[in-house]
């Protein structure tokens, strides 16, 4: 199966049943809150998201590939575990870099909002 199709399917059922085999063992991951190496650490982070948050939805808006780079544009939404159950929404994009074996060696997420804006969503109504 084509890596673009695999990534699309992974977005559809994120955070469940992710295809970790498309990542190099020492993949570099970075987002506004984390930075680390290793597919095992990536699995742990996804596991944390899955166990901590509820009603998780990762909506894929666009996906493009240019040679060894894939760019996805998305919105991640989920319910925070706070007693009043605020709904969080993170619009962003990912840049994935592939090696010669078509494995992802770098996965960098960027957000269209600040970390502070995300924190505020736990306490204030928002229009995302």
Protein backbone atom coordinates (compact mmCIF):
# COMPACT_ATOMS: atom_id res chain seq x y z
CA UNK A 1 0.00 0.00 0.00
CA UNK A 2 1.19 3.53 -0.79
CA UNK A 3 2.48 5.51 2.21
CA UNK A 4 0.05 8.37 1.46
CA UNK A 5 -2.88 5.93 1.70
CA UNK A 6 -1.51 4.51 4.97
CA UNK A 7 -1.16 7.99 6.48
CA UNK A 8 -4.73 8.85 5.39
CA UNK A 9 -6.07 5.70 7.06
CA UNK A 10 -4.09 6.38 10.23
CA UNK A 11 -5.64 9.86 10.45
CA UNK A 12 -9.12 8.37 10.02
CA UNK A 13 -8.82 6.15 13.08
CA UNK A 14 -6.31 8.14 15.16
CA UNK A 15 -5.23 7.35 17.86
CA UNK A 16 -6.26 3.70 17.43
CA UNK A 17 -4.63 1.11 15.16
CA UNK A 18 -1.78 3.31 13.97
CA UNK A 19 0.69 1.87 11.45
CA UNK A 20 3.95 2.26 13.36
CA UNK A 21 5.79 0.15 10.76
CA UNK A 22 5.96 3.21 8.47
CA UNK A 23 8.33 4.89 10.97
CA UNK A 24 12.07 4.33 11.20
CA UNK A 25 13.13 2.88 14.56
CA UNK A 26 14.94 6.13 15.48
CA UNK A 27 12.35 8.54 14.03
CA UNK A 28 12.71 12.13 15.23
CA UNK A 29 9.46 13.61 16.57
CA UNK A 30 8.73 17.20 17.52
CA UNK A 31 5.62 19.22 18.31
CA UNK A 32 5.10 22.37 20.41
CA UNK A 33 5.07 20.27 23.61
CA UNK A 34 7.48 17.36 22.89
CA UNK A 35 10.76 16.51 21.24
CA UNK A 36 12.26 13.02 21.19
CA UNK A 37 13.62 10.14 19.11
CA UNK A 38 12.28 6.64 18.65
CA UNK A 39 9.15 4.91 17.43
CA UNK A 40 8.59 3.40 20.90
CA UNK A 41 8.43 6.87 22.46
CA UNK A 42 6.04 7.92 19.69
CA UNK A 43 3.81 4.92 20.49
CA UNK A 44 3.86 5.90 24.18
CA UNK A 45 2.83 9.47 23.36
CA UNK A 46 -0.09 8.26 21.21
CA UNK A 47 -1.04 5.84 24.01
CA UNK A 48 -1.07 8.72 26.50
CA UNK A 49 -3.32 10.82 24.25
CA UNK A 50 -5.67 7.85 23.84
CA UNK A 51 -5.91 7.15 27.58
CA UNK A 52 -6.00 10.76 28.83
CA UNK A 53 -8.39 12.45 26.38
CA UNK A 54 -11.83 11.42 25.08
CA UNK A 55 -13.70 11.73 21.76
CA UNK A 56 -10.49 12.21 19.81
CA UNK A 57 -10.83 13.20 16.16
CA UNK A 58 -8.00 13.97 13.74
CA UNK A 59 -9.49 15.53 10.63
CA UNK A 60 -7.21 15.52 7.60
CA UNK A 61 -7.74 18.57 5.39
CA UNK A 62 -4.95 18.03 2.89
CA UNK A 63 -2.01 15.75 2.18
CA UNK A 64 0.73 16.29 -0.39
CA UNK A 65 3.98 14.55 -1.28
CA UNK A 66 7.01 16.06 -2.95
CA UNK A 67 9.87 13.57 -3.37
CA UNK A 68 10.93 12.57 0.17
CA UNK A 69 8.57 14.97 2.00
CA UNK A 70 4.92 14.60 2.98
CA UNK A 71 2.89 17.51 4.34
CA UNK A 72 -0.44 17.06 6.04
CA UNK A 73 -2.85 19.76 7.17
CA UNK A 74 -5.24 18.79 9.95
CA UNK A 75 -7.33 19.69 12.97
CA UNK A 76 -7.03 17.60 16.12
CA UNK A 77 -9.99 17.87 18.49
CA UNK A 78 -10.58 16.07 21.76
CA UNK A 79 -12.35 16.37 25.08
CA UNK A 80 -10.19 17.34 28.03
CA UNK A 81 -10.47 15.18 31.19
CA UNK A 82 -11.41 18.18 33.34
CA UNK A 83 -14.76 17.82 35.17
CA UNK A 84 -16.52 20.31 32.85
CA UNK A 85 -15.24 18.39 29.77
CA UNK A 86 -14.03 21.27 27.59
CA UNK A 87 -13.54 20.50 23.90
CA UNK A 88 -10.04 21.28 22.64
CA UNK A 89 -9.21 22.06 19.02
CA UNK A 90 -5.70 22.26 17.56
CA UNK A 91 -5.39 23.26 13.91
CA UNK A 92 -1.98 22.47 12.47
CA UNK A 93 0.19 20.71 9.96
CA UNK A 94 2.84 17.99 9.91
CA UNK A 95 5.99 17.66 7.87
CA UNK A 96 7.17 14.09 7.41
CA UNK A 97 10.54 13.23 5.88
CA UNK A 98 11.14 9.81 4.30
CA UNK A 99 14.31 7.79 3.87
CA UNK A 100 15.20 5.66 0.84
CA UNK A 101 13.14 2.76 2.25
CA UNK A 102 10.04 5.01 2.36
CA UNK A 103 10.10 5.04 6.17
CA UNK A 104 9.37 8.23 8.08
CA UNK A 105 12.59 9.47 9.71
CA UNK A 106 11.27 12.84 10.87
CA UNK A 107 7.74 13.87 11.97
CA UNK A 108 7.41 17.53 12.95
CA UNK A 109 4.03 18.97 13.96
CA UNK A 110 3.27 22.68 13.88
CA UNK A 111 0.23 24.39 15.37
CA UNK A 112 -1.68 27.38 14.03
CA UNK A 113 -2.36 28.35 17.66
CA UNK A 114 -0.06 29.00 20.62
CA UNK A 115 0.36 26.64 23.56
CA UNK A 116 -1.30 29.36 25.66
CA UNK A 117 -4.32 29.38 23.32
CA UNK A 118 -4.64 25.63 23.80
CA UNK A 119 -4.46 26.01 27.57
CA UNK A 120 -7.13 28.74 27.47
CA UNK A 121 -9.51 26.35 25.68
CA UNK A 122 -9.75 24.42 28.94
CA UNK A 123 -11.22 27.45 30.70
CA UNK A 124 -12.89 29.72 28.14
CA UNK A 125 -15.41 29.16 25.39
CA UNK A 126 -13.80 29.40 21.95
CA UNK A 127 -14.73 29.60 18.28
CA UNK A 128 -12.50 27.09 16.47
